[in-house]
C-alpha atoms as a PDB file:
ATOM      1  CA  MET A   1     100.442  90.837  93.725  1.00  0.00           C
ATOM      2  CA  LYS A   2      99.955  90.349  97.478  1.00  0.00           C
ATOM      3  CA  ALA A   3     100.460  93.028 100.109  1.00  0.00           C
ATOM      4  CA  VAL A   4     102.034  91.987 103.407  1.00  0.00           C
ATOM      5  CA  ILE A   5     101.304  94.217 106.398  1.00  0.00           C
ATOM      6  CA  LEU A   6     103.423  94.125 109.551  1.00  0.00           C
ATOM      7  CA  CYS A   7     100.933  94.484 112.387  1.00  0.00           C
ATOM      8  CA  GLY A   8     102.405  92.473 115.245  1.00  0.00           C
ATOM      9  CA  GLY A   9     104.264  95.076 117.300  1.00  0.00           C
ATOM     10  CA  LYS A  10     103.242  96.285 120.735  1.00  0.00           C
ATOM     11  CA  GLY A  11     102.964  99.970 119.859  1.00  0.00           C
ATOM     12  CA  LEU A  12     104.285 101.063 123.245  1.00  0.00           C
ATOM     13  CA  ARG A  13     104.783 104.668 122.167  1.00  0.00           C
ATOM     14  CA  LEU A  14     101.023 105.065 122.004  1.00  0.00           C
ATOM     15  CA  GLY A  15     101.099 104.874 125.775  1.00  0.00           C
ATOM     16  CA  GLY A  16      98.887 101.860 126.341  1.00  0.00           C
ATOM     17  CA  ASP A  17      95.690 103.697 125.358  1.00  0.00           C
ATOM     18  CA  SER A  18      92.920 101.297 126.333  1.00  0.00           C
ATOM     19  CA  SER A  19      90.552 102.548 123.619  1.00  0.00           C
ATOM     20  CA  PHE A  20      92.232 100.206 121.131  1.00  0.00           C
ATOM     21  CA  PRO A  21      93.935  96.851 121.775  1.00  0.00           C
ATOM     22  CA  CYS A  22      96.856  97.322 119.338  1.00  0.00           C
ATOM     23  CA  LYS A  23      98.239 100.117 117.172  1.00  0.00           C
ATOM     24  CA  PRO A  24      96.840  98.960 113.790  1.00  0.00           C
ATOM     25  CA  LEU A  25      93.349  99.204 115.324  1.00  0.00           C
ATOM     26  CA  ALA A  26      93.829 102.783 116.561  1.00  0.00           C
ATOM     27  CA  LYS A  27      91.092 104.784 114.886  1.00  0.00           C
ATOM     28  CA  VAL A  28      91.456 107.525 112.312  1.00  0.00           C
ATOM     29  CA  GLY A  29      87.950 108.882 112.010  1.00  0.00           C
ATOM     30  CA  GLU A  30      85.621 105.960 112.587  1.00  0.00           C
ATOM     31  CA  MET A  31      87.909 103.296 111.129  1.00  0.00           C
ATOM     32  CA  PRO A  32      91.242 101.790 112.232  1.00  0.00           C
ATOM     33  CA  ILE A  33      94.574 102.697 110.658  1.00  0.00           C
ATOM     34  CA  LEU A  34      94.701  99.209 109.155  1.00  0.00           C
ATOM     35  CA  TRP A  35      91.484  99.844 107.221  1.00  0.00           C
ATOM     36  CA  HIS A  36      92.945 103.044 105.735  1.00  0.00           C
ATOM     37  CA  ILE A  37      96.056 101.139 104.603  1.00  0.00           C
ATOM     38  CA  ILE A  38      93.913  98.430 103.004  1.00  0.00           C
ATOM     39  CA  LYS A  39      91.905 101.075 101.155  1.00  0.00           C
ATOM     40  CA  ILE A  40      95.105 102.623  99.760  1.00  0.00           C
ATOM     41  CA  TYR A  41      96.122  99.275  98.280  1.00  0.00           C
ATOM     42  CA  MET A  42      92.644  98.390  97.040  1.00  0.00           C
ATOM     43  CA  HIS A  43      92.434 101.705  95.187  1.00  0.00           C
ATOM     44  CA  TYR A  44      95.247 100.346  92.995  1.00  0.00           C
ATOM     45  CA  GLY A  45      93.684  96.929  92.528  1.00  0.00           C
ATOM     46  CA  ILE A  46      95.554  95.086  95.292  1.00  0.00           C
ATOM     47  CA  ASN A  47      93.046  92.961  97.204  1.00  0.00           C
ATOM     48  CA  GLU A  48      95.156  90.047  98.520  1.00  0.00           C
ATOM     49  CA  PHE A  49      96.664  90.714 101.937  1.00  0.00           C
ATOM     50  CA  ILE A  50      98.773  88.847 104.467  1.00  0.00           C
ATOM     51  CA  PHE A  51      98.689  90.162 108.035  1.00  0.00           C
ATOM     52  CA  CYS A  52     101.784  89.403 110.133  1.00  0.00           C
ATOM     53  CA  LEU A  53     100.107  89.178 113.529  1.00  0.00           C
ATOM     54  CA  GLY A  54     101.674  89.219 116.969  1.00  0.00           C
ATOM     55  CA  HIS A  55     100.710  91.322 119.970  1.00  0.00           C
ATOM     56  CA  ASN A  56      96.915  91.172 120.379  1.00  0.00           C
ATOM     57  CA  GLY A  57      96.592  89.552 116.991  1.00  0.00           C
ATOM     58  CA  GLU A  58      93.307  88.011 118.100  1.00  0.00           C
ATOM     59  CA  ALA A  59      91.811  91.520 118.267  1.00  0.00           C
ATOM     60  CA  ILE A  60      92.654  92.079 114.592  1.00  0.00           C
ATOM     61  CA  LYS A  61      91.123  88.706 113.702  1.00  0.00           C
ATOM     62  CA  GLU A  62      87.966  89.534 115.662  1.00  0.00           C
ATOM     63  CA  TYR A  63      87.687  92.957 114.041  1.00  0.00           C
ATOM     64  CA  PHE A  64      87.629  91.527 110.524  1.00  0.00           C
ATOM     65  CA  LEU A  65      85.496  88.512 111.425  1.00  0.00           C
ATOM     66  CA  ASN A  66      82.880  90.980 112.682  1.00  0.00           C
ATOM     67  CA  PHE A  67      83.546  93.597 110.007  1.00  0.00           C
ATOM     68  CA  ASP A  68      80.546  92.946 107.759  1.00  0.00           C
ATOM     69  CA  TRP A  69      77.728  93.237 110.272  1.00  0.00           C
ATOM     70  CA  LYS A  70      79.354  96.067 112.232  1.00  0.00           C
ATOM     71  CA  ASN A  71      80.264  98.291 109.294  1.00  0.00           C
ATOM     72  CA  ASN A  72      77.712  97.634 106.574  1.00  0.00           C
ATOM     73  CA  ASP A  73      74.017  97.626 105.900  1.00  0.00           C
ATOM     74  CA  PHE A  74      72.593  94.159 105.406  1.00  0.00           C
ATOM     75  CA  LYS A  75      69.374  92.280 104.788  1.00  0.00           C
ATOM     76  CA  LEU A  76      68.481  89.358 107.067  1.00  0.00           C
ATOM     77  CA  ARG A  77      65.938  86.712 106.162  1.00  0.00           C
ATOM     78  CA  ILE A  78      64.854  84.280 108.880  1.00  0.00           C
ATOM     79  CA  GLY A  79      62.204  81.579 108.849  1.00  0.00           C
ATOM     80  CA  SER A  80      61.206  78.210 107.382  1.00  0.00           C
ATOM     81  CA  ASN A  81      64.520  76.698 108.515  1.00  0.00           C
ATOM     82  CA  LEU A  82      66.326  79.217 106.351  1.00  0.00           C
ATOM     83  CA  LYS A  83      68.661  81.964 107.466  1.00  0.00           C
ATOM     84  CA  GLU A  84      70.066  84.231 104.794  1.00  0.00           C
ATOM     85  CA  ILE A  85      72.172  87.362 105.203  1.00  0.00           C
ATOM     86  CA  LYS A  86      73.029  89.701 102.360  1.00  0.00           C
ATOM     87  CA  PHE A  87      75.661  92.350 103.077  1.00  0.00           C
ATOM     88  CA  PHE A  88      76.034  95.559 101.120  1.00  0.00           C
ATOM     89  CA  ASN A  89      79.782  95.543 101.538  1.00  0.00           C
ATOM     90  CA  GLU A  90      82.146  98.239 100.257  1.00  0.00           C
ATOM     91  CA  LEU A  91      85.100  95.873 100.719  1.00  0.00           C
ATOM     92  CA  ASP A  92      83.911  93.133  98.388  1.00  0.00           C
ATOM     93  CA  ASN A  93      86.613  90.813  97.054  1.00  0.00           C
ATOM     94  CA  LEU A  94      88.959  91.492  99.958  1.00  0.00           C
ATOM     95  CA  ASN A  95      91.084  88.431 100.766  1.00  0.00           C
ATOM     96  CA  ILE A  96      93.125  88.366 103.967  1.00  0.00           C
ATOM     97  CA  THR A  97      95.449  85.646 105.257  1.00  0.00           C
ATOM     98  CA  PHE A  98      95.978  85.998 109.012  1.00  0.00           C
ATOM     99  CA  ILE A  99      99.324  84.595 110.181  1.00  0.00           C
ATOM    100  CA  ASP A 100     100.474  84.452 113.800  1.00  0.00           C
ATOM    101  CA  THR A 101     104.150  85.403 113.532  1.00  0.00           C
ATOM    102  CA  GLY A 102     104.852  85.330 117.277  1.00  0.00           C
ATOM    103  CA  LEU A 103     104.653  87.771 120.159  1.00  0.00           C
ATOM    104  CA  ASP A 104     108.318  88.753 120.307  1.00  0.00           C
ATOM    105  CA  THR A 105     109.416  88.061 116.736  1.00  0.00           C
ATOM    106  CA  MET A 106     111.345  90.916 115.141  1.00  0.00           C
ATOM    107  CA  THR A 107     110.212  92.554 111.894  1.00  0.00           C
ATOM    108  CA  GLY A 108     112.528  90.482 109.711  1.00  0.00           C
ATOM    109  CA  GLY A 109     111.439  87.296 111.420  1.00  0.00           C
ATOM    110  CA  ARG A 110     107.807  88.139 110.791  1.00  0.00           C
ATOM    111  CA  ILE A 111     108.522  88.546 107.087  1.00  0.00           C
ATOM    112  CA  LYS A 112     110.430  85.238 107.024  1.00  0.00           C
ATOM    113  CA  ARG A 113     107.505  83.426 108.642  1.00  0.00           C
ATOM    114  CA  ILE A 114     105.120  84.258 105.799  1.00  0.00           C
ATOM    115  CA  GLN A 115     107.509  83.050 103.067  1.00  0.00           C
ATOM    116  CA  LYS A 116     105.460  79.951 102.260  1.00  0.00           C
ATOM    117  CA  TYR A 117     102.385  82.090 101.569  1.00  0.00           C
ATOM    118  CA  ILE A 118     104.120  84.061  98.808  1.00  0.00           C
ATOM    119  CA  ASP A 119     103.457  82.287  95.516  1.00  0.00           C
ATOM    120  CA  GLU A 120     104.462  85.038  93.080  1.00  0.00           C
ATOM    121  CA  ASP A 121     107.869  86.472  92.222  1.00  0.00           C
ATOM    122  CA  GLU A 122     107.019  89.868  93.738  1.00  0.00           C
ATOM    123  CA  PHE A 123     105.072  91.072  96.745  1.00  0.00           C
ATOM    124  CA  MET A 124     104.418  94.329  98.552  1.00  0.00           C
ATOM    125  CA  LEU A 125     105.226  95.057 102.177  1.00  0.00           C
ATOM    126  CA  THR A 126     104.398  97.906 104.512  1.00  0.00           C
ATOM    127  CA  TYR A 127     103.929  98.777 108.171  1.00  0.00           C
ATOM    128  CA  GLY A 128     100.552  98.744 109.915  1.00  0.00           C
ATOM    129  CA  ASP A 129     100.870 102.303 111.162  1.00  0.00           C
ATOM    130  CA  GLY A 130     101.583 104.509 108.142  1.00  0.00           C
ATOM    131  CA  VAL A 131      99.493 106.120 105.406  1.00  0.00           C
ATOM    132  CA  SER A 132     100.457 108.017 102.277  1.00  0.00           C
ATOM    133  CA  ASP A 133      99.143 109.443  99.010  1.00  0.00           C
ATOM    134  CA  ILE A 134     101.715 107.330  97.164  1.00  0.00           C
ATOM    135  CA  ASN A 135     100.840 106.197  93.643  1.00  0.00           C
ATOM    136  CA  LEU A 136     101.366 102.444  93.832  1.00  0.00           C
ATOM    137  CA  ASN A 137     101.239 102.046  90.056  1.00  0.00           C
ATOM    138  CA  GLN A 138     104.201 104.397  89.742  1.00  0.00           C
ATOM    139  CA  LEU A 139     105.978 102.531  92.557  1.00  0.00           C
ATOM    140  CA  ILE A 140     105.560  99.213  90.739  1.00  0.00           C
ATOM    141  CA  LYS A 141     106.758 100.736  87.470  1.00  0.00           C
ATOM    142  CA  PHE A 142     109.834 102.196  89.193  1.00  0.00           C
ATOM    143  CA  HIS A 143     110.662  98.888  90.896  1.00  0.00           C
ATOM    144  CA  ARG A 144     110.564  96.972  87.642  1.00  0.00           C
ATOM    145  CA  GLN A 145     112.644  99.568  85.838  1.00  0.00           C
ATOM    146  CA  LYS A 146     115.383  99.346  88.482  1.00  0.00           C
ATOM    147  CA  GLN A 147     115.385  95.522  88.459  1.00  0.00           C
ATOM    148  CA  LYS A 148     116.558  95.207  92.060  1.00  0.00           C
ATOM    149  CA  ILE A 149     115.534  92.692  94.701  1.00  0.00           C
ATOM    150  CA  ALA A 150     113.950  95.379  96.876  1.00  0.00           C
ATOM    151  CA  THR A 151     112.482  98.851  96.549  1.00  0.00           C
ATOM    152  CA  VAL A 152     111.730 101.009  99.575  1.00  0.00           C
ATOM    153  CA  THR A 153     109.706 104.196  99.508  1.00  0.00           C
ATOM    154  CA  GLY A 154     111.849 107.064 100.755  1.00  0.00           C
ATOM    155  CA  VAL A 155     110.022 110.002 102.332  1.00  0.00           C
ATOM    156  CA  LYS A 156     110.948 113.320 103.878  1.00  0.00           C
ATOM    157  CA  HIS A 157     110.612 113.495 107.653  1.00  0.00           C
ATOM    158  CA  ARG A 158     109.319 116.551 109.464  1.00  0.00           C
ATOM    159  CA  SER A 159     111.428 117.491 112.486  1.00  0.00           C
ATOM    160  CA  SER A 160     109.782 117.225 115.897  1.00  0.00           C
ATOM    161  CA  TYR A 161     111.382 120.518 116.885  1.00  0.00           C
ATOM    162  CA  GLY A 162     111.825 124.009 115.528  1.00  0.00           C
ATOM    163  CA  ILE A 163     115.186 124.676 113.856  1.00  0.00           C
ATOM    164  CA  ILE A 164     117.126 127.882 114.558  1.00  0.00           C
ATOM    165  CA  ASP A 165     119.883 129.112 112.242  1.00  0.00           C
ATOM    166  CA  VAL A 166     122.467 131.125 114.191  1.00  0.00           C
ATOM    167  CA  LYS A 167     125.283 133.485 113.173  1.00  0.00           C
ATOM    168  CA  ASP A 168     127.530 135.173 115.748  1.00  0.00           C
ATOM    169  CA  GLY A 169     125.083 134.356 118.518  1.00  0.00           C
ATOM    170  CA  ILE A 170     122.110 135.928 116.689  1.00  0.00           C
ATOM    171  CA  ALA A 171     119.216 133.977 115.183  1.00  0.00           C
ATOM    172  CA  THR A 172     119.044 134.425 111.421  1.00  0.00           C
ATOM    173  CA  SER A 173     115.988 132.229 110.885  1.00  0.00           C
ATOM    174  CA  PHE A 174     113.531 130.091 112.796  1.00  0.00           C
ATOM    175  CA  LYS A 175     111.760 127.214 111.087  1.00  0.00           C
ATOM    176  CA  GLU A 176     108.974 125.502 112.975  1.00  0.00           C
ATOM    177  CA  LYS A 177     109.247 121.729 112.471  1.00  0.00           C
ATOM    178  CA  PRO A 178     110.687 121.837 108.932  1.00  0.00           C
ATOM    179  CA  LEU A 179     111.150 118.918 106.588  1.00  0.00           C
ATOM    180  CA  GLN A 180     114.607 117.497 107.179  1.00  0.00           C
ATOM    181  CA  ASP A 181     117.193 116.808 104.525  1.00  0.00           C
ATOM    182  CA  GLY A 182     117.688 113.212 103.470  1.00  0.00           C
ATOM    183  CA  TRP A 183     115.251 110.353 103.021  1.00  0.00           C
ATOM    184  CA  ILE A 184     113.864 107.944 105.602  1.00  0.00           C
ATOM    185  CA  ASN A 185     112.239 104.522 105.358  1.00  0.00           C
ATOM    186  CA  GLY A 186     108.564 105.158 104.635  1.00  0.00           C
ATOM    187  CA  GLY A 187     107.542 101.531 104.173  1.00  0.00           C
ATOM    188  CA  PHE A 188     105.565 100.701 101.018  1.00  0.00           C
ATOM    189  CA  PHE A 189     108.188  98.224  99.796  1.00  0.00           C
ATOM    190  CA  ILE A 190     108.133  96.020  96.735  1.00  0.00           C
ATOM    191  CA  LEU A 191     110.205  92.869  97.148  1.00  0.00           C
ATOM    192  CA  ARG A 192     111.260  89.906  95.069  1.00  0.00           C
ATOM    193  CA  LYS A 193     111.223  86.462  96.667  1.00  0.00           C
ATOM    194  CA  GLU A 194     115.038  86.444  96.831  1.00  0.00           C
ATOM    195  CA  VAL A 195     114.696  88.850  99.743  1.00  0.00           C
ATOM    196  CA  PHE A 196     113.962  85.922 102.068  1.00  0.00           C
ATOM    197  CA  ASP A 197     117.605  84.849 101.659  1.00  0.00           C
ATOM    198  CA  TYR A 198     118.605  88.035 103.490  1.00  0.00           C
ATOM    199  CA  ILE A 199     116.619  87.134 106.627  1.00  0.00           C
ATOM    200  CA  ASP A 200     118.105  84.636 109.075  1.00  0.00           C
ATOM    201  CA  ASN A 201     115.585  83.969 111.840  1.00  0.00           C
ATOM    202  CA  ASP A 202     113.022  85.379 114.288  1.00  0.00           C
ATOM    203  CA  GLU A 203     115.615  87.683 115.852  1.00  0.00           C
ATOM    204  CA  THR A 204     116.409  89.430 112.577  1.00  0.00           C
ATOM    205  CA  ILE A 205     115.366  93.073 112.453  1.00  0.00           C
ATOM    206  CA  TRP A 206     114.363  93.883 108.884  1.00  0.00           C
ATOM    207  CA  GLU A 207     115.634  97.446 109.152  1.00  0.00           C
ATOM    208  CA  ASN A 208     119.121  96.334 110.232  1.00  0.00           C
ATOM    209  CA  GLU A 209     121.102  93.537 108.558  1.00  0.00           C
ATOM    210  CA  PRO A 210     118.729  92.708 105.672  1.00  0.00           C
ATOM    211  CA  LEU A 211     118.428  96.269 104.391  1.00  0.00           C
ATOM    212  CA  ARG A 212     122.128  96.973 105.006  1.00  0.00           C
ATOM    213  CA  ASN A 213     123.138  93.850 103.110  1.00  0.00           C
ATOM    214  CA  LEU A 214     120.806  94.713 100.253  1.00  0.00           C
ATOM    215  CA  VAL A 215     122.536  98.098 100.051  1.00  0.00           C
ATOM    216  CA  GLN A 216     125.978  96.433 100.069  1.00  0.00           C
ATOM    217  CA  ASP A 217     124.869  94.143  97.240  1.00  0.00           C
ATOM    218  CA  ASN A 218     123.501  97.104  95.260  1.00  0.00           C
ATOM    219  CA  GLN A 219     120.047  95.535  95.441  1.00  0.00           C
ATOM    220  CA  LEU A 220     117.990  98.250  97.175  1.00  0.00           C
ATOM    221  CA  ALA A 221     116.215 100.851  95.051  1.00  0.00           C
ATOM    222  CA  VAL A 222     114.628 103.942  96.607  1.00  0.00           C
ATOM    223  CA  TYR A 223     111.391 105.379  95.267  1.00  0.00           C
ATOM    224  CA  GLN A 224     111.560 109.023  96.344  1.00  0.00           C
ATOM    225  CA  HIS A 225     108.062 110.105  97.334  1.00  0.00           C
ATOM    226  CA  GLU A 226     107.701 113.815  97.990  1.00  0.00           C
ATOM    227  CA  GLY A 227     103.977 113.777  98.659  1.00  0.00           C
ATOM    228  CA  PHE A 228     102.027 113.130 101.846  1.00  0.00           C
ATOM    229  CA  TRP A 229     103.215 110.509 104.318  1.00  0.00           C
ATOM    230  CA  GLN A 230     102.386 110.067 107.983  1.00  0.00           C
ATOM    231  CA  SER A 231     103.473 107.416 110.451  1.00  0.00           C
ATOM    232  CA  ILE A 232     101.340 107.064 113.570  1.00  0.00           C
ATOM    233  CA  ASP A 233     104.002 106.407 116.199  1.00  0.00           C
ATOM    234  CA  THR A 234     102.701 108.433 119.146  1.00  0.00           C
ATOM    235  CA  ILE A 235      99.449 109.662 120.647  1.00  0.00           C
ATOM    236  CA  LYS A 236     100.297 113.094 119.234  1.00  0.00           C
ATOM    237  CA  ASP A 237     100.622 111.633 115.718  1.00  0.00           C
ATOM    238  CA  LEU A 238      97.222 110.011 116.154  1.00  0.00           C
ATOM    239  CA  GLN A 239      95.704 113.297 117.294  1.00  0.00           C
ATOM    240  CA  ILE A 240      97.209 115.161 114.330  1.00  0.00           C
ATOM    241  CA  ILE A 241      95.930 112.734 111.717  1.00  0.00           C
ATOM    242  CA  ASN A 242      92.482 112.700 113.316  1.00  0.00           C
ATOM    243  CA  GLU A 243      92.435 116.496 113.168  1.00  0.00           C
ATOM    244  CA  GLN A 244      93.239 116.217 109.466  1.00  0.00           C
ATOM    245  CA  TRP A 245      90.368 113.776 109.082  1.00  0.00           C
ATOM    246  CA  VAL A 246      87.897 116.053 110.884  1.00  0.00           C
ATOM    247  CA  ASN A 247      89.040 119.070 108.847  1.00  0.00           C
ATOM    248  CA  ASN A 248      88.672 117.087 105.607  1.00  0.00           C
ATOM    249  CA  ASP A 249      92.420 117.422 104.978  1.00  0.00           C
ATOM    250  CA  ARG A 250      92.677 113.753 104.042  1.00  0.00           C
ATOM    251  CA  GLN A 251      95.589 113.732 101.644  1.00  0.00           C
ATOM    252  CA  TRP A 252      96.053 109.956 101.796  1.00  0.00           C
ATOM    253  CA  VAL A 253      92.424 109.300 100.779  1.00  0.00           C
ATOM    254  CA  LYS A 254      92.369 108.647  97.034  1.00  0.00           C
ATOM    255  CA  TRP A 255      89.488 106.189  96.961  1.00  0.00           C
END
């Protein structure tokens, strides 16, 4: 099964930090977010990826074209008209298809543009800015049990603010950034090929009409994941997850 990663957005909420050219290349520890996402999938035997590129997509291409010599030990043999390089690569058997899906294409449009590269009945999809300790084997099992066109991973979202419970003008409790009720879209989708019929064109936002119509058709299952999940939407999010990395609180690292 292939994993499609949406990594074409501009990531404006990261404030234009010049230390990385696009959000998927923002570093957690010494490696970009995108690398962490790949490692999550590869831990469960998924090694075929399609990158939906857009804003600064050339930077993502360059990163992976240069990945071997920048990130691995290698042996170089030169002489007698022979040049041989042997890499000691921890990402052996990684296959990536890089697709330019347009600078201003919406999320649904990006998915539609990679349709011809999907040659199996099912494929995975996620965002290029979120990590989780999700068990992908359990996700696949759940999706097939439900027999729907699409499965989304639902996660609990932590409030950005403290919550105060009040009675008669007096605080009865104060909860600092609690988990909110309800489930939000945490990415880590599994989709059947019929999902492409729900996407019209480049202007289609995946999170709007396609998901709503799947709900109306009773074709969207929700895998309720209560474990770790973190989306890197802001500089603060990036700082928090890097603090977790430094403190060895790496809940998403299962490899």
